[in-house]
Amino acid sequence: MEKKTATQVFESLSSGIRLDIYRLLVRQGLEGMVAGQIASTLNLPANNASFHLKGMTHAGLISVEQEGRYQRYRANLALMLELIAYLTEECCAGHPEQCADLRADSCCPEAAPPPPPKTETET
């Protein structure tokens, strides 16, 4: 990653609202969310959410896909991981073995198994 790209990402996330949106989309993973869900979840006016989503899309932080009359947004997880790698590539003065425990602690936790499907008596 180039310094210019990293700077653009940080500038785009310097808004608290954009940071909240990005973290929400990261939590959703590959499923993403439609714009209305994002605005509703974060208690944002639709036009405000739309403004920030457009800016984040332009910066490459999120992607958007048309689904009928809705737009589904997803976090650019590859860019996030590339940024983390850029920030940590010189960790511990070129001796990454010194901070191996820190790296292990920062990894995503394993996903919990999905709940079993509900039976007819539970619905």
PDB file of N, CA and C in Angstrom:
ATOM      1  N   MET A   1       0.851  -1.172   0.000  1.00  0.00           N
ATOM      2  CA  MET A   1       0.000   0.000   0.000  1.00  0.00           C
ATOM      3  C   MET A   1       0.893   1.229   0.000  1.00  0.00           C
ATOM      4  N   GLU A   2       0.471   2.215  -0.740  1.00  0.00           N
ATOM      5  CA  GLU A   2       1.211   3.467  -0.782  1.00  0.00           C
ATOM      6  C   GLU A   2       0.748   4.395   0.334  1.00  0.00           C
ATOM      7  N   LYS A   3       1.636   5.262   0.738  1.00  0.00           N
ATOM      8  CA  LYS A   3       1.329   6.226   1.795  1.00  0.00           C
ATOM      9  C   LYS A   3       0.116   7.080   1.419  1.00  0.00           C
ATOM     10  N   LYS A   4       0.008   7.448   0.146  1.00  0.00           N
ATOM     11  CA  LYS A   4      -1.102   8.273  -0.318  1.00  0.00           C
ATOM     12  C   LYS A   4      -2.443   7.560  -0.108  1.00  0.00           C
ATOM     13  N   THR A   5      -2.480   6.264  -0.411  1.00  0.00           N
ATOM     14  CA  THR A   5      -3.704   5.483  -0.228  1.00  0.00           C
ATOM     15  C   THR A   5      -4.064   5.396   1.247  1.00  0.00           C
ATOM     16  N   ALA A   6      -3.082   5.119   2.092  1.00  0.00           N
ATOM     17  CA  ALA A   6      -3.328   5.038   3.536  1.00  0.00           C
ATOM     18  C   ALA A   6      -3.863   6.371   4.060  1.00  0.00           C
ATOM     19  N   THR A   7      -3.296   7.459   3.597  1.00  0.00           N
ATOM     20  CA  THR A   7      -3.745   8.788   4.024  1.00  0.00           C
ATOM     21  C   THR A   7      -5.189   9.028   3.609  1.00  0.00           C
ATOM     22  N   GLN A   8      -5.548   8.635   2.391  1.00  0.00           N
ATOM     23  CA  GLN A   8      -6.933   8.800   1.921  1.00  0.00           C
ATOM     24  C   GLN A   8      -7.905   7.989   2.773  1.00  0.00           C
ATOM     25  N   VAL A   9      -7.520   6.786   3.144  1.00  0.00           N
ATOM     26  CA  VAL A   9      -8.378   5.949   3.976  1.00  0.00           C
ATOM     27  C   VAL A   9      -8.588   6.614   5.334  1.00  0.00           C
ATOM     28  N   PHE A  10      -7.515   7.073   5.939  1.00  0.00           N
ATOM     29  CA  PHE A  10      -7.631   7.713   7.249  1.00  0.00           C
ATOM     30  C   PHE A  10      -8.447   9.000   7.174  1.00  0.00           C
ATOM     31  N   GLU A  11      -8.261   9.763   6.117  1.00  0.00           N
ATOM     32  CA  GLU A  11      -9.047  10.991   5.960  1.00  0.00           C
ATOM     33  C   GLU A  11     -10.529  10.663   5.831  1.00  0.00           C
ATOM     34  N   SER A  12     -10.846   9.614   5.100  1.00  0.00           N
ATOM     35  CA  SER A  12     -12.245   9.233   4.926  1.00  0.00           C
ATOM     36  C   SER A  12     -12.857   8.746   6.237  1.00  0.00           C
ATOM     37  N   LEU A  13     -12.064   8.103   7.079  1.00  0.00           N
ATOM     38  CA  LEU A  13     -12.574   7.584   8.347  1.00  0.00           C
ATOM     39  C   LEU A  13     -12.458   8.588   9.494  1.00  0.00           C
ATOM     40  N   SER A  14     -12.010   9.803   9.205  1.00  0.00           N
ATOM     41  CA  SER A  14     -11.820  10.783  10.282  1.00  0.00           C
ATOM     42  C   SER A  14     -13.150  11.317  10.818  1.00  0.00           C
ATOM     43  N   SER A  15     -14.231  11.050  10.135  1.00  0.00           N
ATOM     44  CA  SER A  15     -15.563  11.408  10.615  1.00  0.00           C
ATOM     45  C   SER A  15     -16.075  10.303  11.529  1.00  0.00           C
ATOM     46  N   GLY A  16     -16.602  10.679  12.670  1.00  0.00           N
ATOM     47  CA  GLY A  16     -17.155   9.686  13.589  1.00  0.00           C
ATOM     48  C   GLY A  16     -18.282   8.884  12.963  1.00  0.00           C
ATOM     49  N   ILE A  17     -19.102   9.533  12.151  1.00  0.00           N
ATOM     50  CA  ILE A  17     -20.213   8.836  11.491  1.00  0.00           C
ATOM     51  C   ILE A  17     -19.672   7.801  10.514  1.00  0.00           C
ATOM     52  N   ARG A  18     -18.677   8.178   9.738  1.00  0.00           N
ATOM     53  CA  ARG A  18     -18.104   7.232   8.771  1.00  0.00           C
ATOM     54  C   ARG A  18     -17.431   6.061   9.484  1.00  0.00           C
ATOM     55  N   LEU A  19     -16.795   6.348  10.578  1.00  0.00           N
ATOM     56  CA  LEU A  19     -16.172   5.270  11.349  1.00  0.00           C
ATOM     57  C   LEU A  19     -17.235   4.315  11.881  1.00  0.00           C
ATOM     58  N   ASP A  20     -18.343   4.851  12.378  1.00  0.00           N
ATOM     59  CA  ASP A  20     -19.452   4.002  12.843  1.00  0.00           C
ATOM     60  C   ASP A  20     -20.016   3.158  11.706  1.00  0.00           C
ATOM     61  N   ILE A  21     -20.199   3.763  10.541  1.00  0.00           N
ATOM     62  CA  ILE A  21     -20.724   3.031   9.380  1.00  0.00           C
ATOM     63  C   ILE A  21     -19.762   1.913   8.988  1.00  0.00           C
ATOM     64  N   TYR A  22     -18.473   2.228   8.925  1.00  0.00           N
ATOM     65  CA  TYR A  22     -17.492   1.227   8.505  1.00  0.00           C
ATOM     66  C   TYR A  22     -17.447   0.055   9.484  1.00  0.00           C
ATOM     67  N   ARG A  23     -17.424   0.360  10.771  1.00  0.00           N
ATOM     68  CA  ARG A  23     -17.382  -0.706  11.776  1.00  0.00           C
ATOM     69  C   ARG A  23     -18.646  -1.568  11.701  1.00  0.00           C
ATOM     70  N   LEU A  24     -19.783  -0.949  11.457  1.00  0.00           N
ATOM     71  CA  LEU A  24     -21.033  -1.694  11.304  1.00  0.00           C
ATOM     72  C   LEU A  24     -20.941  -2.648  10.114  1.00  0.00           C
ATOM     73  N   LEU A  25     -20.429  -2.146   8.992  1.00  0.00           N
ATOM     74  CA  LEU A  25     -20.305  -2.983   7.799  1.00  0.00           C
ATOM     75  C   LEU A  25     -19.267  -4.080   7.978  1.00  0.00           C
ATOM     76  N   VAL A  26     -18.214  -3.804   8.719  1.00  0.00           N
ATOM     77  CA  VAL A  26     -17.222  -4.843   9.005  1.00  0.00           C
ATOM     78  C   VAL A  26     -17.879  -5.957   9.818  1.00  0.00           C
ATOM     79  N   ARG A  27     -18.710  -5.593  10.794  1.00  0.00           N
ATOM     80  CA  ARG A  27     -19.419  -6.604  11.596  1.00  0.00           C
ATOM     81  C   ARG A  27     -20.336  -7.464  10.729  1.00  0.00           C
ATOM     82  N   GLN A  28     -20.896  -6.876   9.688  1.00  0.00           N
ATOM     83  CA  GLN A  28     -21.824  -7.617   8.825  1.00  0.00           C
ATOM     84  C   GLN A  28     -21.093  -8.561   7.876  1.00  0.00           C
ATOM     85  N   GLY A  29     -19.803  -8.366   7.698  1.00  0.00           N
ATOM     86  CA  GLY A  29     -19.019  -9.240   6.832  1.00  0.00           C
ATOM     87  C   GLY A  29     -19.459  -9.138   5.386  1.00  0.00           C
ATOM     88  N   LEU A  30     -19.451 -10.262   4.700  1.00  0.00           N
ATOM     89  CA  LEU A  30     -19.761 -10.276   3.277  1.00  0.00           C
ATOM     90  C   LEU A  30     -21.231 -10.034   2.971  1.00  0.00           C
ATOM     91  N   GLU A  31     -22.095 -10.178   3.970  1.00  0.00           N
ATOM     92  CA  GLU A  31     -23.519  -9.935   3.754  1.00  0.00           C
ATOM     93  C   GLU A  31     -23.794  -8.456   3.489  1.00  0.00           C
ATOM     94  N   GLY A  32     -23.099  -7.571   4.194  1.00  0.00           N
ATOM     95  CA  GLY A  32     -23.327  -6.142   4.021  1.00  0.00           C
ATOM     96  C   GLY A  32     -24.701  -5.730   4.507  1.00  0.00           C
ATOM     97  N   MET A  33     -25.092  -4.515   4.156  1.00  0.00           N
ATOM     98  CA  MET A  33     -26.394  -3.979   4.552  1.00  0.00           C
ATOM     99  C   MET A  33     -26.877  -3.006   3.490  1.00  0.00           C
ATOM    100  N   VAL A  34     -28.190  -2.870   3.400  1.00  0.00           N
ATOM    101  CA  VAL A  34     -28.736  -1.868   2.501  1.00  0.00           C
ATOM    102  C   VAL A  34     -28.722  -0.524   3.221  1.00  0.00           C
ATOM    103  N   ALA A  35     -28.736   0.534   2.443  1.00  0.00           N
ATOM    104  CA  ALA A  35     -28.585   1.886   2.979  1.00  0.00           C
ATOM    105  C   ALA A  35     -29.592   2.195   4.079  1.00  0.00           C
ATOM    106  N   GLY A  36     -30.842   1.821   3.875  1.00  0.00           N
ATOM    107  CA  GLY A  36     -31.865   2.101   4.881  1.00  0.00           C
ATOM    108  C   GLY A  36     -31.596   1.409   6.204  1.00  0.00           C
ATOM    109  N   GLN A  37     -31.074   0.188   6.145  1.00  0.00           N
ATOM    110  CA  GLN A  37     -30.719  -0.541   7.367  1.00  0.00           C
ATOM    111  C   GLN A  37     -29.588   0.169   8.105  1.00  0.00           C
ATOM    112  N   ILE A  38     -28.620   0.656   7.347  1.00  0.00           N
ATOM    113  CA  ILE A  38     -27.490   1.355   7.949  1.00  0.00           C
ATOM    114  C   ILE A  38     -27.983   2.600   8.668  1.00  0.00           C
ATOM    115  N   ALA A  39     -28.776   3.400   7.980  1.00  0.00           N
ATOM    116  CA  ALA A  39     -29.293   4.639   8.567  1.00  0.00           C
ATOM    117  C   ALA A  39     -30.127   4.334   9.806  1.00  0.00           C
ATOM    118  N   SER A  40     -30.989   3.338   9.711  1.00  0.00           N
ATOM    119  CA  SER A  40     -31.856   2.981  10.832  1.00  0.00           C
ATOM    120  C   SER A  40     -31.055   2.478  12.030  1.00  0.00           C
ATOM    121  N   THR A  41     -30.103   1.596  11.776  1.00  0.00           N
ATOM    122  CA  THR A  41     -29.296   1.017  12.846  1.00  0.00           C
ATOM    123  C   THR A  41     -28.505   2.087  13.590  1.00  0.00           C
ATOM    124  N   LEU A  42     -27.982   3.048  12.845  1.00  0.00           N
ATOM    125  CA  LEU A  42     -27.157   4.099  13.462  1.00  0.00           C
ATOM    126  C   LEU A  42     -27.965   5.347  13.811  1.00  0.00           C
ATOM    127  N   ASN A  43     -29.289   5.277  13.618  1.00  0.00           N
ATOM    128  CA  ASN A  43     -30.176   6.399  13.935  1.00  0.00           C
ATOM    129  C   ASN A  43     -29.733   7.676  13.205  1.00  0.00           C
ATOM    130  N   LEU A  44     -29.511   7.538  11.902  1.00  0.00           N
ATOM    131  CA  LEU A  44     -29.083   8.657  11.064  1.00  0.00           C
ATOM    132  C   LEU A  44     -30.194   9.027  10.094  1.00  0.00           C
ATOM    133  N   PRO A  45     -30.332  10.310   9.774  1.00  0.00           N
ATOM    134  CA  PRO A  45     -31.248  10.674   8.689  1.00  0.00           C
ATOM    135  C   PRO A  45     -30.746  10.034   7.383  1.00  0.00           C
ATOM    136  N   ALA A  46     -31.661   9.590   6.538  1.00  0.00           N
ATOM    137  CA  ALA A  46     -31.291   8.890   5.303  1.00  0.00           C
ATOM    138  C   ALA A  46     -30.359   9.716   4.426  1.00  0.00           C
ATOM    139  N   ASN A  47     -30.606  11.022   4.306  1.00  0.00           N
ATOM    140  CA  ASN A  47     -29.749  11.846   3.446  1.00  0.00           C
ATOM    141  C   ASN A  47     -28.343  11.980   4.030  1.00  0.00           C
ATOM    142  N   ASN A  48     -28.225  11.988   5.337  1.00  0.00           N
ATOM    143  CA  ASN A  48     -26.914  12.065   5.984  1.00  0.00           C
ATOM    144  C   ASN A  48     -26.140  10.773   5.737  1.00  0.00           C
ATOM    145  N   ALA A  49     -26.804   9.641   5.922  1.00  0.00           N
ATOM    146  CA  ALA A  49     -26.162   8.350   5.676  1.00  0.00           C
ATOM    147  C   ALA A  49     -25.732   8.248   4.215  1.00  0.00           C
ATOM    148  N   SER A  50     -26.596   8.671   3.312  1.00  0.00           N
ATOM    149  CA  SER A  50     -26.307   8.610   1.884  1.00  0.00           C
ATOM    150  C   SER A  50     -25.068   9.434   1.534  1.00  0.00           C
ATOM    151  N   PHE A  51     -24.959  10.611   2.116  1.00  0.00           N
ATOM    152  CA  PHE A  51     -23.795  11.476   1.885  1.00  0.00           C
ATOM    153  C   PHE A  51     -22.507  10.762   2.294  1.00  0.00           C
ATOM    154  N   HIS A  52     -22.500  10.164   3.471  1.00  0.00           N
ATOM    155  CA  HIS A  52     -21.297   9.495   3.968  1.00  0.00           C
ATOM    156  C   HIS A  52     -21.012   8.212   3.193  1.00  0.00           C
ATOM    157  N   LEU A  53     -22.042   7.472   2.828  1.00  0.00           N
ATOM    158  CA  LEU A  53     -21.841   6.251   2.043  1.00  0.00           C
ATOM    159  C   LEU A  53     -21.221   6.567   0.688  1.00  0.00           C
ATOM    160  N   LYS A  54     -21.671   7.648   0.077  1.00  0.00           N
ATOM    161  CA  LYS A  54     -21.110   8.051  -1.218  1.00  0.00           C
ATOM    162  C   LYS A  54     -19.625   8.385  -1.078  1.00  0.00           C
ATOM    163  N   GLY A  55     -19.273   9.142  -0.045  1.00  0.00           N
ATOM    164  CA  GLY A  55     -17.874   9.498   0.173  1.00  0.00           C
ATOM    165  C   GLY A  55     -17.007   8.290   0.453  1.00  0.00           C
ATOM    166  N   MET A  56     -17.527   7.355   1.220  1.00  0.00           N
ATOM    167  CA  MET A  56     -16.761   6.156   1.543  1.00  0.00           C
ATOM    168  C   MET A  56     -16.602   5.246   0.325  1.00  0.00           C
ATOM    169  N   THR A  57     -17.624   5.211  -0.514  1.00  0.00           N
ATOM    170  CA  THR A  57     -17.537   4.428  -1.747  1.00  0.00           C
ATOM    171  C   THR A  57     -16.470   5.031  -2.661  1.00  0.00           C
ATOM    172  N   HIS A  58     -16.481   6.348  -2.762  1.00  0.00           N
ATOM    173  CA  HIS A  58     -15.488   7.044  -3.598  1.00  0.00           C
ATOM    174  C   HIS A  58     -14.063   6.772  -3.101  1.00  0.00           C
ATOM    175  N   ALA A  59     -13.892   6.677  -1.791  1.00  0.00           N
ATOM    176  CA  ALA A  59     -12.569   6.415  -1.216  1.00  0.00           C
ATOM    177  C   ALA A  59     -12.163   4.946  -1.328  1.00  0.00           C
ATOM    178  N   GLY A  60     -13.094   4.071  -1.732  1.00  0.00           N
ATOM    179  CA  GLY A  60     -12.786   2.660  -1.865  1.00  0.00           C
ATOM    180  C   GLY A  60     -12.942   1.869  -0.580  1.00  0.00           C
ATOM    181  N   LEU A  61     -13.433   2.502   0.473  1.00  0.00           N
ATOM    182  CA  LEU A  61     -13.603   1.809   1.750  1.00  0.00           C
ATOM    183  C   LEU A  61     -14.744   0.809   1.722  1.00  0.00           C
ATOM    184  N   ILE A  62     -15.746   1.104   0.918  1.00  0.00           N
ATOM    185  CA  ILE A  62     -16.902   0.222   0.815  1.00  0.00           C
ATOM    186  C   ILE A  62     -17.250   0.051  -0.654  1.00  0.00           C
ATOM    187  N   SER A  63     -17.972  -1.024  -0.926  1.00  0.00           N
ATOM    188  CA  SER A  63     -18.474  -1.248  -2.275  1.00  0.00           C
ATOM    189  C   SER A  63     -19.991  -1.201  -2.216  1.00  0.00           C
ATOM    190  N   VAL A  64     -20.598  -0.962  -3.353  1.00  0.00           N
ATOM    191  CA  VAL A  64     -22.049  -0.894  -3.416  1.00  0.00           C
ATOM    192  C   VAL A  64     -22.518  -1.733  -4.594  1.00  0.00           C
ATOM    193  N   GLU A  65     -23.635  -2.427  -4.385  1.00  0.00           N
ATOM    194  CA  GLU A  65     -24.218  -3.273  -5.421  1.00  0.00           C
ATOM    195  C   GLU A  65     -25.721  -3.031  -5.438  1.00  0.00           C
ATOM    196  N   GLN A  66     -26.238  -2.810  -6.634  1.00  0.00           N
ATOM    197  CA  GLN A  66     -27.667  -2.578  -6.792  1.00  0.00           C
ATOM    198  C   GLN A  66     -28.415  -3.890  -6.615  1.00  0.00           C
ATOM    199  N   GLU A  67     -29.445  -3.884  -5.780  1.00  0.00           N
ATOM    200  CA  GLU A  67     -30.320  -5.044  -5.581  1.00  0.00           C
ATOM    201  C   GLU A  67     -31.755  -4.559  -5.740  1.00  0.00           C
ATOM    202  N   GLY A  68     -32.264  -4.650  -6.941  1.00  0.00           N
ATOM    203  CA  GLY A  68     -33.601  -4.117  -7.204  1.00  0.00           C
ATOM    204  C   GLY A  68     -33.600  -2.614  -6.983  1.00  0.00           C
ATOM    205  N   ARG A  69     -34.433  -2.166  -6.085  1.00  0.00           N
ATOM    206  CA  ARG A  69     -34.462  -0.720  -5.822  1.00  0.00           C
ATOM    207  C   ARG A  69     -33.584  -0.318  -4.642  1.00  0.00           C
ATOM    208  N   TYR A  70     -32.871  -1.279  -4.070  1.00  0.00           N
ATOM    209  CA  TYR A  70     -31.996  -1.010  -2.934  1.00  0.00           C
ATOM    210  C   TYR A  70     -30.535  -1.061  -3.350  1.00  0.00           C
ATOM    211  N   GLN A  71     -29.697  -0.445  -2.530  1.00  0.00           N
ATOM    212  CA  GLN A  71     -28.259  -0.532  -2.733  1.00  0.00           C
ATOM    213  C   GLN A  71     -27.657  -1.195  -1.503  1.00  0.00           C
ATOM    214  N   ARG A  72     -26.920  -2.284  -1.732  1.00  0.00           N
ATOM    215  CA  ARG A  72     -26.286  -3.015  -0.637  1.00  0.00           C
ATOM    216  C   ARG A  72     -24.823  -2.590  -0.551  1.00  0.00           C
ATOM    217  N   TYR A  73     -24.407  -2.223   0.640  1.00  0.00           N
ATOM    218  CA  TYR A  73     -23.042  -1.775   0.889  1.00  0.00           C
ATOM    219  C   TYR A  73     -22.283  -2.837   1.672  1.00  0.00           C
ATOM    220  N   ARG A  74     -21.012  -2.994   1.319  1.00  0.00           N
ATOM    221  CA  ARG A  74     -20.130  -3.940   2.007  1.00  0.00           C
ATOM    222  C   ARG A  74     -18.790  -3.260   2.273  1.00  0.00           C
ATOM    223  N   ALA A  75     -18.220  -3.563   3.427  1.00  0.00           N
ATOM    224  CA  ALA A  75     -16.888  -3.052   3.751  1.00  0.00           C
ATOM    225  C   ALA A  75     -15.871  -3.702   2.829  1.00  0.00           C
ATOM    226  N   ASN A  76     -14.894  -2.928   2.405  1.00  0.00           N
ATOM    227  CA  ASN A  76     -13.789  -3.455   1.607  1.00  0.00           C
ATOM    228  C   ASN A  76     -12.797  -4.076   2.589  1.00  0.00           C
ATOM    229  N   LEU A  77     -13.042  -5.340   2.927  1.00  0.00           N
ATOM    230  CA  LEU A  77     -12.228  -6.015   3.935  1.00  0.00           C
ATOM    231  C   LEU A  77     -10.784  -6.200   3.468  1.00  0.00           C
ATOM    232  N   ALA A  78     -10.593  -6.393   2.174  1.00  0.00           N
ATOM    233  CA  ALA A  78      -9.230  -6.538   1.650  1.00  0.00           C
ATOM    234  C   ALA A  78      -8.434  -5.263   1.880  1.00  0.00           C
ATOM    235  N   LEU A  79      -9.060  -4.118   1.664  1.00  0.00           N
ATOM    236  CA  LEU A  79      -8.378  -2.840   1.895  1.00  0.00           C
ATOM    237  C   LEU A  79      -8.054  -2.676   3.375  1.00  0.00           C
ATOM    238  N   MET A  80      -8.978  -3.065   4.251  1.00  0.00           N
ATOM    239  CA  MET A  80      -8.743  -2.970   5.687  1.00  0.00           C
ATOM    240  C   MET A  80      -7.532  -3.815   6.086  1.00  0.00           C
ATOM    241  N   LEU A  81      -7.476  -5.042   5.585  1.00  0.00           N
ATOM    242  CA  LEU A  81      -6.354  -5.916   5.914  1.00  0.00           C
ATOM    243  C   LEU A  81      -5.045  -5.391   5.330  1.00  0.00           C
ATOM    244  N   GLU A  82      -5.117  -4.806   4.136  1.00  0.00           N
ATOM    245  CA  GLU A  82      -3.928  -4.214   3.526  1.00  0.00           C
ATOM    246  C   GLU A  82      -3.437  -3.030   4.360  1.00  0.00           C
ATOM    247  N   LEU A  83      -4.361  -2.240   4.883  1.00  0.00           N
ATOM    248  CA  LEU A  83      -3.988  -1.100   5.723  1.00  0.00           C
ATOM    249  C   LEU A  83      -3.348  -1.577   7.024  1.00  0.00           C
ATOM    250  N   ILE A  84      -3.907  -2.613   7.610  1.00  0.00           N
ATOM    251  CA  ILE A  84      -3.324  -3.162   8.841  1.00  0.00           C
ATOM    252  C   ILE A  84      -1.910  -3.664   8.562  1.00  0.00           C
ATOM    253  N   ALA A  85      -1.729  -4.354   7.444  1.00  0.00           N
ATOM    254  CA  ALA A  85      -0.398  -4.851   7.078  1.00  0.00           C
ATOM    255  C   ALA A  85       0.567  -3.693   6.864  1.00  0.00           C
ATOM    256  N   TYR A  86       0.099  -2.626   6.214  1.00  0.00           N
ATOM    257  CA  TYR A  86       0.931  -1.454   5.978  1.00  0.00           C
ATOM    258  C   TYR A  86       1.366  -0.831   7.302  1.00  0.00           C
ATOM    259  N   LEU A  87       0.449  -0.738   8.245  1.00  0.00           N
ATOM    260  CA  LEU A  87       0.749  -0.126   9.532  1.00  0.00           C
ATOM    261  C   LEU A  87       1.694  -0.970  10.379  1.00  0.00           C
ATOM    262  N   THR A  88       1.666  -2.267  10.186  1.00  0.00           N
ATOM    263  CA  THR A  88       2.444  -3.157  11.057  1.00  0.00           C
ATOM    264  C   THR A  88       3.640  -3.812  10.364  1.00  0.00           C
ATOM    265  N   GLU A  89       3.909  -3.458   9.113  1.00  0.00           N
ATOM    266  CA  GLU A  89       4.978  -4.157   8.390  1.00  0.00           C
ATOM    267  C   GLU A  89       6.353  -3.956   9.003  1.00  0.00           C
ATOM    268  N   GLU A  90       6.546  -2.897   9.734  1.00  0.00           N
ATOM    269  CA  GLU A  90       7.849  -2.668  10.370  1.00  0.00           C
ATOM    270  C   GLU A  90       7.760  -2.823  11.877  1.00  0.00           C
ATOM    271  N   CYS A  91       6.780  -3.595  12.302  1.00  0.00           N
ATOM    272  CA  CYS A  91       6.550  -3.822  13.727  1.00  0.00           C
ATOM    273  C   CYS A  91       7.811  -4.361  14.394  1.00  0.00           C
ATOM    274  N   CYS A  92       8.094  -3.880  15.562  1.00  0.00           N
ATOM    275  CA  CYS A  92       9.211  -4.357  16.388  1.00  0.00           C
ATOM    276  C   CYS A  92      10.548  -4.248  15.656  1.00  0.00           C
ATOM    277  N   ALA A  93      10.711  -3.143  14.941  1.00  0.00           N
ATOM    278  CA  ALA A  93      11.977  -2.825  14.263  1.00  0.00           C
ATOM    279  C   ALA A  93      12.463  -3.964  13.370  1.00  0.00           C
ATOM    280  N   GLY A  94      11.524  -4.592  12.657  1.00  0.00           N
ATOM    281  CA  GLY A  94      11.914  -5.650  11.734  1.00  0.00           C
ATOM    282  C   GLY A  94      12.095  -7.004  12.384  1.00  0.00           C
ATOM    283  N   HIS A  95      11.709  -7.141  13.639  1.00  0.00           N
ATOM    284  CA  HIS A  95      11.801  -8.422  14.341  1.00  0.00           C
ATOM    285  C   HIS A  95      10.399  -8.834  14.792  1.00  0.00           C
ATOM    286  N   PRO A  96       9.566  -9.299  13.847  1.00  0.00           N
ATOM    287  CA  PRO A  96       8.172  -9.587  14.174  1.00  0.00           C
ATOM    288  C   PRO A  96       7.991 -10.666  15.228  1.00  0.00           C
ATOM    289  N   GLU A  97       9.016 -11.509  15.426  1.00  0.00           N
ATOM    290  CA  GLU A  97       8.893 -12.548  16.451  1.00  0.00           C
ATOM    291  C   GLU A  97       8.737 -11.938  17.853  1.00  0.00           C
ATOM    292  N   GLN A  98       9.185 -10.694  18.027  1.00  0.00           N
ATOM    293  CA  GLN A  98       9.068 -10.029  19.324  1.00  0.00           C
ATOM    294  C   GLN A  98       7.627  -9.660  19.663  1.00  0.00           C
ATOM    295  N   CYS A  99       6.824  -9.502  18.651  1.00  0.00           N
ATOM    296  CA  CYS A  99       5.438  -9.097  18.921  1.00  0.00           C
ATOM    297  C   CYS A  99       4.436 -10.141  18.439  1.00  0.00           C
ATOM    298  N   ALA A 100       4.847 -11.403  18.353  1.00  0.00           N
ATOM    299  CA  ALA A 100       3.965 -12.468  17.874  1.00  0.00           C
ATOM    300  C   ALA A 100       2.720 -12.598  18.747  1.00  0.00           C
ATOM    301  N   ASP A 101       2.886 -12.475  20.060  1.00  0.00           N
ATOM    302  CA  ASP A 101       1.722 -12.588  20.945  1.00  0.00           C
ATOM    303  C   ASP A 101       0.735 -11.461  20.700  1.00  0.00           C
ATOM    304  N   LEU A 102       1.230 -10.271  20.438  1.00  0.00           N
ATOM    305  CA  LEU A 102       0.346  -9.142  20.160  1.00  0.00           C
ATOM    306  C   LEU A 102      -0.444  -9.391  18.886  1.00  0.00           C
ATOM    307  N   ARG A 103       0.208  -9.913  17.866  1.00  0.00           N
ATOM    308  CA  ARG A 103      -0.477 -10.200  16.606  1.00  0.00           C
ATOM    309  C   ARG A 103      -1.547 -11.274  16.803  1.00  0.00           C
ATOM    310  N   ALA A 104      -1.238 -12.302  17.577  1.00  0.00           N
ATOM    311  CA  ALA A 104      -2.211 -13.368  17.818  1.00  0.00           C
ATOM    312  C   ALA A 104      -3.441 -12.812  18.534  1.00  0.00           C
ATOM    313  N   ASP A 105      -3.233 -11.896  19.469  1.00  0.00           N
ATOM    314  CA  ASP A 105      -4.341 -11.304  20.208  1.00  0.00           C
ATOM    315  C   ASP A 105      -5.206 -10.404  19.337  1.00  0.00           C
ATOM    316  N   SER A 106      -4.647  -9.881  18.238  1.00  0.00           N
ATOM    317  CA  SER A 106      -5.396  -8.939  17.419  1.00  0.00           C
ATOM    318  C   SER A 106      -6.191  -9.601  16.302  1.00  0.00           C
ATOM    319  N   CYS A 107      -6.056 -10.901  16.131  1.00  0.00           N
ATOM    320  CA  CYS A 107      -6.766 -11.591  15.054  1.00  0.00           C
ATOM    321  C   CYS A 107      -8.251 -11.675  15.357  1.00  0.00           C
ATOM    322  N   CYS A 108      -9.027 -11.806  14.297  1.00  0.00           N
ATOM    323  CA  CYS A 108     -10.471 -11.967  14.458  1.00  0.00           C
ATOM    324  C   CYS A 108     -10.748 -13.254  15.208  1.00  0.00           C
ATOM    325  N   PRO A 109     -11.683 -13.229  16.137  1.00  0.00           N
ATOM    326  CA  PRO A 109     -12.023 -14.473  16.829  1.00  0.00           C
ATOM    327  C   PRO A 109     -12.697 -15.439  15.873  1.00  0.00           C
ATOM    328  N   GLU A 110     -12.637 -16.716  16.211  1.00  0.00           N
ATOM    329  CA  GLU A 110     -13.309 -17.706  15.377  1.00  0.00           C
ATOM    330  C   GLU A 110     -14.806 -17.453  15.415  1.00  0.00           C
ATOM    331  N   ALA A 111     -15.432 -17.672  14.303  1.00  0.00           N
ATOM    332  CA  ALA A 111     -16.878 -17.458  14.225  1.00  0.00           C
ATOM    333  C   ALA A 111     -17.596 -18.538  15.016  1.00  0.00           C
ATOM    334  N   ALA A 112     -18.617 -18.116  15.733  1.00  0.00           N
ATOM    335  CA  ALA A 112     -19.440 -19.074  16.468  1.00  0.00           C
ATOM    336  C   ALA A 112     -20.293 -19.840  15.469  1.00  0.00           C
ATOM    337  N   PRO A 113     -20.570 -21.098  15.740  1.00  0.00           N
ATOM    338  CA  PRO A 113     -21.420 -21.850  14.810  1.00  0.00           C
ATOM    339  C   PRO A 113     -22.817 -21.246  14.790  1.00  0.00           C
ATOM    340  N   PRO A 114     -23.490 -21.329  13.651  1.00  0.00           N
ATOM    341  CA  PRO A 114     -24.837 -20.767  13.574  1.00  0.00           C
ATOM    342  C   PRO A 114     -25.785 -21.542  14.484  1.00  0.00           C
ATOM    343  N   PRO A 115     -26.831 -20.872  14.991  1.00  0.00           N
ATOM    344  CA  PRO A 115     -27.785 -21.584  15.841  1.00  0.00           C
ATOM    345  C   PRO A 115     -28.538 -22.626  15.018  1.00  0.00           C
ATOM    346  N   PRO A 116     -29.002 -23.690  15.682  1.00  0.00           N
ATOM    347  CA  PRO A 116     -29.744 -24.709  14.934  1.00  0.00           C
ATOM    348  C   PRO A 116     -31.062 -24.122  14.435  1.00  0.00           C
ATOM    349  N   PRO A 117     -31.579 -24.638  13.318  1.00  0.00           N
ATOM    350  CA  PRO A 117     -32.844 -24.129  12.799  1.00  0.00           C
ATOM    351  C   PRO A 117     -33.971 -24.380  13.796  1.00  0.00           C
ATOM    352  N   LYS A 118     -34.933 -23.460  13.802  1.00  0.00           N
ATOM    353  CA  LYS A 118     -36.069 -23.594  14.695  1.00  0.00           C
ATOM    354  C   LYS A 118     -36.998 -24.690  14.185  1.00  0.00           C
ATOM    355  N   THR A 119     -37.587 -25.404  15.130  1.00  0.00           N
ATOM    356  CA  THR A 119     -38.573 -26.406  14.757  1.00  0.00           C
ATOM    357  C   THR A 119     -39.940 -25.731  14.662  1.00  0.00           C
ATOM    358  N   GLU A 120     -40.908 -26.441  14.132  1.00  0.00           N
ATOM    359  CA  GLU A 120     -42.245 -25.873  13.979  1.00  0.00           C
ATOM    360  C   GLU A 120     -42.841 -25.469  15.317  1.00  0.00           C
ATOM    361  N   THR A 121     -42.509 -26.167  16.390  1.00  0.00           N
ATOM    362  CA  THR A 121     -43.073 -25.850  17.709  1.00  0.00           C
ATOM    363  C   THR A 121     -42.436 -24.598  18.302  1.00  0.00           C
ATOM    364  N   GLU A 122     -41.255 -24.218  17.836  1.00  0.00           N
ATOM    365  CA  GLU A 122     -40.578 -23.028  18.357  1.00  0.00           C
ATOM    366  C   GLU A 122     -41.004 -21.753  17.650  1.00  0.00           C
ATOM    367  N   THR A 123     -41.584 -21.838  16.460  1.00  0.00           N
ATOM    368  CA  THR A 123     -41.956 -20.652  15.703  1.00  0.00           C
ATOM    369  C   THR A 123     -43.318 -20.134  16.042  1.00  0.00           C
TER     370      THR A 123
END
